[in-house]
Amino acid sequence: MSVLIVALAVCAVAVAGAVVWLRTRYVMVSVSGTSMEPAYRSGDRVWVRRARVRSVRPGQVVVVRLSYPPSWNLAVKDPWSIKRVTAAPGDPVPRDGFDALAHVPEATVPAGCLVVVGDNAADSYDSRHCGYVPGDRLLGVVVRRTGAG
């Protein structure tokens, strides 16, 4: 009987450890808005792997906190936004159409920063408006869409 109790306790600890590891590594985020249509629609849910800027590559979809103008009076201060990475550290700074980056002196994206855009450019607030996204505002990389939640 005691062997069974020990086995159950070990199993419970292993399961608890796996849950803690998953929760520190991954998070589920609900998409709100049209800035990433048609790839991601409002109501979709996505799994996000927490990541650091140095592991992010152009073309990947990320979840970040953008710097919105105070005049917008958002209900949630600095909400999470889902965007596609256009340029990562060391990549050339995009200039065409990026008014917020048109006059930065750097030729390449600085270490610890990203340039992000929404797939639906006509309805997206992104680096074209607010410039670089600092690495401390990166939640992670989208790894899977689970559909409407």
C-alpha atoms as a PDB file:
ATOM      1  CA  MET A   1       0.000   0.000   0.000  1.00  0.00           C
ATOM      2  CA  SER A   2       2.791   2.472   0.855  1.00  0.00           C
ATOM      3  CA  VAL A   3       4.452   1.838  -2.534  1.00  0.00           C
ATOM      4  CA  LEU A   4       1.198   2.836  -4.224  1.00  0.00           C
ATOM      5  CA  ILE A   5       1.003   6.028  -2.156  1.00  0.00           C
ATOM      6  CA  VAL A   6       4.591   6.921  -3.017  1.00  0.00           C
ATOM      7  CA  ALA A   7       3.942   6.234  -6.717  1.00  0.00           C
ATOM      8  CA  LEU A   8       0.822   8.430  -6.658  1.00  0.00           C
ATOM      9  CA  ALA A   9       2.708  11.206  -4.869  1.00  0.00           C
ATOM     10  CA  VAL A  10       5.552  11.079  -7.403  1.00  0.00           C
ATOM     11  CA  CYS A  11       3.022  11.156 -10.225  1.00  0.00           C
ATOM     12  CA  ALA A  12       1.196  14.126  -8.688  1.00  0.00           C
ATOM     13  CA  VAL A  13       4.464  16.040  -8.255  1.00  0.00           C
ATOM     14  CA  ALA A  14       5.422  15.297 -11.873  1.00  0.00           C
ATOM     15  CA  VAL A  15       2.047  16.503 -13.150  1.00  0.00           C
ATOM     16  CA  ALA A  16       2.228  19.645 -11.004  1.00  0.00           C
ATOM     17  CA  GLY A  17       5.749  20.318 -12.279  1.00  0.00           C
ATOM     18  CA  ALA A  18       4.615  19.913 -15.894  1.00  0.00           C
ATOM     19  CA  VAL A  19       1.714  22.317 -15.343  1.00  0.00           C
ATOM     20  CA  VAL A  20       4.024  24.918 -13.776  1.00  0.00           C
ATOM     21  CA  TRP A  21       6.515  24.554 -16.641  1.00  0.00           C
ATOM     22  CA  LEU A  22       3.773  24.926 -19.268  1.00  0.00           C
ATOM     23  CA  ARG A  23       2.292  27.994 -17.561  1.00  0.00           C
ATOM     24  CA  THR A  24       5.682  29.716 -17.388  1.00  0.00           C
ATOM     25  CA  ARG A  25       6.515  28.850 -21.004  1.00  0.00           C
ATOM     26  CA  TYR A  26       3.164  29.259 -22.806  1.00  0.00           C
ATOM     27  CA  VAL A  27       0.111  31.490 -22.516  1.00  0.00           C
ATOM     28  CA  MET A  28      -3.178  31.600 -24.416  1.00  0.00           C
ATOM     29  CA  VAL A  29      -4.268  34.978 -25.787  1.00  0.00           C
ATOM     30  CA  SER A  30      -7.591  35.961 -27.369  1.00  0.00           C
ATOM     31  CA  VAL A  31      -7.422  38.071 -30.514  1.00  0.00           C
ATOM     32  CA  SER A  32      -9.492  41.251 -30.472  1.00  0.00           C
ATOM     33  CA  GLY A  33      -9.770  43.533 -33.476  1.00  0.00           C
ATOM     34  CA  THR A  34      -9.125  43.371 -37.203  1.00  0.00           C
ATOM     35  CA  SER A  35      -5.475  44.432 -37.490  1.00  0.00           C
ATOM     36  CA  MET A  36      -4.262  40.917 -38.358  1.00  0.00           C
ATOM     37  CA  GLU A  37      -7.060  39.835 -40.716  1.00  0.00           C
ATOM     38  CA  PRO A  38      -7.329  37.592 -42.608  1.00  0.00           C
ATOM     39  CA  ALA A  39      -4.696  35.442 -40.812  1.00  0.00           C
ATOM     40  CA  TYR A  40      -6.144  36.059 -37.342  1.00  0.00           C
ATOM     41  CA  ARG A  41      -9.680  37.219 -36.673  1.00  0.00           C
ATOM     42  CA  SER A  42     -11.293  38.759 -33.625  1.00  0.00           C
ATOM     43  CA  GLY A  43     -12.316  35.910 -31.334  1.00  0.00           C
ATOM     44  CA  ASP A  44      -9.485  33.580 -32.377  1.00  0.00           C
ATOM     45  CA  ARG A  45      -7.357  32.223 -29.575  1.00  0.00           C
ATOM     46  CA  VAL A  46      -3.629  31.699 -29.983  1.00  0.00           C
ATOM     47  CA  TRP A  47      -0.962  29.867 -28.031  1.00  0.00           C
ATOM     48  CA  VAL A  48       2.018  32.099 -27.386  1.00  0.00           C
ATOM     49  CA  ARG A  49       5.468  30.793 -26.458  1.00  0.00           C
ATOM     50  CA  ARG A  50       7.221  33.275 -24.232  1.00  0.00           C
ATOM     51  CA  ALA A  51      10.362  34.469 -25.996  1.00  0.00           C
ATOM     52  CA  ARG A  52      13.135  37.012 -25.889  1.00  0.00           C
ATOM     53  CA  VAL A  53      13.793  39.450 -28.717  1.00  0.00           C
ATOM     54  CA  ARG A  54      17.011  37.725 -29.775  1.00  0.00           C
ATOM     55  CA  SER A  55      15.059  34.577 -30.743  1.00  0.00           C
ATOM     56  CA  VAL A  56      12.453  36.400 -32.882  1.00  0.00           C
ATOM     57  CA  ARG A  57      12.750  36.442 -36.677  1.00  0.00           C
ATOM     58  CA  PRO A  58      11.033  38.504 -39.400  1.00  0.00           C
ATOM     59  CA  GLY A  59       7.782  36.941 -40.540  1.00  0.00           C
ATOM     60  CA  GLN A  60       6.897  35.534 -37.130  1.00  0.00           C
ATOM     61  CA  VAL A  61       3.720  36.686 -35.412  1.00  0.00           C
ATOM     62  CA  VAL A  62       4.232  38.056 -31.917  1.00  0.00           C
ATOM     63  CA  VAL A  63       2.223  39.466 -29.044  1.00  0.00           C
ATOM     64  CA  VAL A  64       3.529  42.825 -27.807  1.00  0.00           C
ATOM     65  CA  ARG A  65       2.489  45.896 -25.833  1.00  0.00           C
ATOM     66  CA  LEU A  66       2.586  48.944 -28.103  1.00  0.00           C
ATOM     67  CA  SER A  67       2.897  52.538 -26.954  1.00  0.00           C
ATOM     68  CA  TYR A  68      -0.490  54.078 -27.712  1.00  0.00           C
ATOM     69  CA  PRO A  69      -1.065  57.845 -27.620  1.00  0.00           C
ATOM     70  CA  PRO A  70      -2.506  58.988 -24.256  1.00  0.00           C
ATOM     71  CA  SER A  71      -5.282  60.804 -26.134  1.00  0.00           C
ATOM     72  CA  TRP A  72      -6.757  57.444 -27.146  1.00  0.00           C
ATOM     73  CA  ASN A  73      -8.081  56.876 -23.605  1.00  0.00           C
ATOM     74  CA  LEU A  74      -7.961  53.094 -23.936  1.00  0.00           C
ATOM     75  CA  ALA A  75     -10.045  51.025 -21.512  1.00  0.00           C
ATOM     76  CA  VAL A  76      -6.945  48.919 -20.776  1.00  0.00           C
ATOM     77  CA  LYS A  77      -3.648  50.759 -20.473  1.00  0.00           C
ATOM     78  CA  ASP A  78      -1.131  49.227 -22.885  1.00  0.00           C
ATOM     79  CA  PRO A  79      -3.212  46.262 -24.114  1.00  0.00           C
ATOM     80  CA  TRP A  80      -1.549  43.264 -25.754  1.00  0.00           C
ATOM     81  CA  SER A  81      -1.420  43.452 -29.552  1.00  0.00           C
ATOM     82  CA  ILE A  82      -0.799  40.695 -32.085  1.00  0.00           C
ATOM     83  CA  LYS A  83       1.476  41.769 -34.967  1.00  0.00           C
ATOM     84  CA  ARG A  84       3.881  40.372 -37.557  1.00  0.00           C
ATOM     85  CA  VAL A  85       7.601  41.077 -37.213  1.00  0.00           C
ATOM     86  CA  THR A  86       8.933  43.066 -40.164  1.00  0.00           C
ATOM     87  CA  ALA A  87      12.450  43.587 -38.845  1.00  0.00           C
ATOM     88  CA  ALA A  88      14.423  42.154 -35.915  1.00  0.00           C
ATOM     89  CA  PRO A  89      17.657  43.406 -34.313  1.00  0.00           C
ATOM     90  CA  GLY A  90      20.358  43.876 -36.942  1.00  0.00           C
ATOM     91  CA  ASP A  91      17.921  43.967 -39.876  1.00  0.00           C
ATOM     92  CA  PRO A  92      17.727  47.103 -42.048  1.00  0.00           C
ATOM     93  CA  VAL A  93      15.345  49.722 -40.658  1.00  0.00           C
ATOM     94  CA  PRO A  94      12.293  49.889 -42.937  1.00  0.00           C
ATOM     95  CA  ARG A  95      11.693  53.460 -44.090  1.00  0.00           C
ATOM     96  CA  ASP A  96       9.029  53.422 -46.791  1.00  0.00           C
ATOM     97  CA  GLY A  97       5.642  53.888 -45.141  1.00  0.00           C
ATOM     98  CA  PHE A  98       7.145  53.909 -41.631  1.00  0.00           C
ATOM     99  CA  ASP A  99       6.685  57.557 -40.665  1.00  0.00           C
ATOM    100  CA  ALA A 100       7.728  56.888 -37.055  1.00  0.00           C
ATOM    101  CA  LEU A 101      11.055  55.434 -38.261  1.00  0.00           C
ATOM    102  CA  ALA A 102      11.725  57.781 -41.172  1.00  0.00           C
ATOM    103  CA  HIS A 103      14.135  59.944 -39.216  1.00  0.00           C
ATOM    104  CA  VAL A 104      15.857  57.494 -36.873  1.00  0.00           C
ATOM    105  CA  PRO A 105      19.621  57.633 -37.337  1.00  0.00           C
ATOM    106  CA  GLU A 106      20.243  53.887 -37.212  1.00  0.00           C
ATOM    107  CA  ALA A 107      20.693  51.908 -40.433  1.00  0.00           C
ATOM    108  CA  THR A 108      19.755  48.671 -38.666  1.00  0.00           C
ATOM    109  CA  VAL A 109      17.204  47.846 -35.979  1.00  0.00           C
ATOM    110  CA  PRO A 110      18.913  48.276 -32.591  1.00  0.00           C
ATOM    111  CA  ALA A 111      19.563  45.329 -30.292  1.00  0.00           C
ATOM    112  CA  GLY A 112      16.570  44.580 -28.111  1.00  0.00           C
ATOM    113  CA  CYS A 113      14.000  46.123 -30.487  1.00  0.00           C
ATOM    114  CA  LEU A 114      11.487  44.919 -33.077  1.00  0.00           C
ATOM    115  CA  VAL A 115       9.585  46.481 -35.954  1.00  0.00           C
ATOM    116  CA  VAL A 116       6.047  45.071 -36.181  1.00  0.00           C
ATOM    117  CA  VAL A 117       3.046  45.587 -38.466  1.00  0.00           C
ATOM    118  CA  GLY A 118      -0.493  44.297 -38.748  1.00  0.00           C
ATOM    119  CA  ASP A 119      -1.416  42.206 -41.798  1.00  0.00           C
ATOM    120  CA  ASN A 120      -4.436  44.481 -42.309  1.00  0.00           C
ATOM    121  CA  ALA A 121      -2.398  47.659 -42.783  1.00  0.00           C
ATOM    122  CA  ALA A 122      -5.459  49.858 -43.284  1.00  0.00           C
ATOM    123  CA  ASP A 123      -6.702  49.027 -39.776  1.00  0.00           C
ATOM    124  CA  SER A 124      -3.534  48.533 -37.755  1.00  0.00           C
ATOM    125  CA  TYR A 125      -1.689  50.684 -35.248  1.00  0.00           C
ATOM    126  CA  ASP A 126       1.891  49.420 -35.310  1.00  0.00           C
ATOM    127  CA  SER A 127       5.550  50.411 -35.788  1.00  0.00           C
ATOM    128  CA  ARG A 128       4.563  52.613 -38.718  1.00  0.00           C
ATOM    129  CA  HIS A 129       2.980  54.865 -36.089  1.00  0.00           C
ATOM    130  CA  CYS A 130       4.834  54.194 -32.813  1.00  0.00           C
ATOM    131  CA  GLY A 131       8.321  53.158 -33.972  1.00  0.00           C
ATOM    132  CA  TYR A 132      10.433  50.420 -32.424  1.00  0.00           C
ATOM    133  CA  VAL A 133       8.925  47.983 -29.937  1.00  0.00           C
ATOM    134  CA  PRO A 134      11.353  47.457 -27.031  1.00  0.00           C
ATOM    135  CA  GLY A 135      12.066  43.868 -26.033  1.00  0.00           C
ATOM    136  CA  ASP A 136      10.596  44.307 -22.569  1.00  0.00           C
ATOM    137  CA  ARG A 137       7.209  44.760 -24.297  1.00  0.00           C
ATOM    138  CA  LEU A 138       7.353  41.349 -26.009  1.00  0.00           C
ATOM    139  CA  LEU A 139       5.198  38.576 -24.543  1.00  0.00           C
ATOM    140  CA  GLY A 140       6.199  35.955 -27.081  1.00  0.00           C
ATOM    141  CA  VAL A 141       5.764  34.267 -30.452  1.00  0.00           C
ATOM    142  CA  VAL A 142       2.461  32.831 -31.664  1.00  0.00           C
ATOM    143  CA  VAL A 143       2.893  29.100 -32.178  1.00  0.00           C
ATOM    144  CA  ARG A 144      -0.662  27.959 -32.886  1.00  0.00           C
ATOM    145  CA  ARG A 145      -4.146  29.274 -33.506  1.00  0.00           C
ATOM    146  CA  THR A 146      -6.934  27.337 -31.829  1.00  0.00           C
ATOM    147  CA  GLY A 147      -9.813  29.116 -33.587  1.00  0.00           C
ATOM    148  CA  ALA A 148     -12.685  31.042 -32.103  1.00  0.00           C
ATOM    149  CA  GLY A 149     -12.928  30.615 -28.403  1.00  0.00           C
END
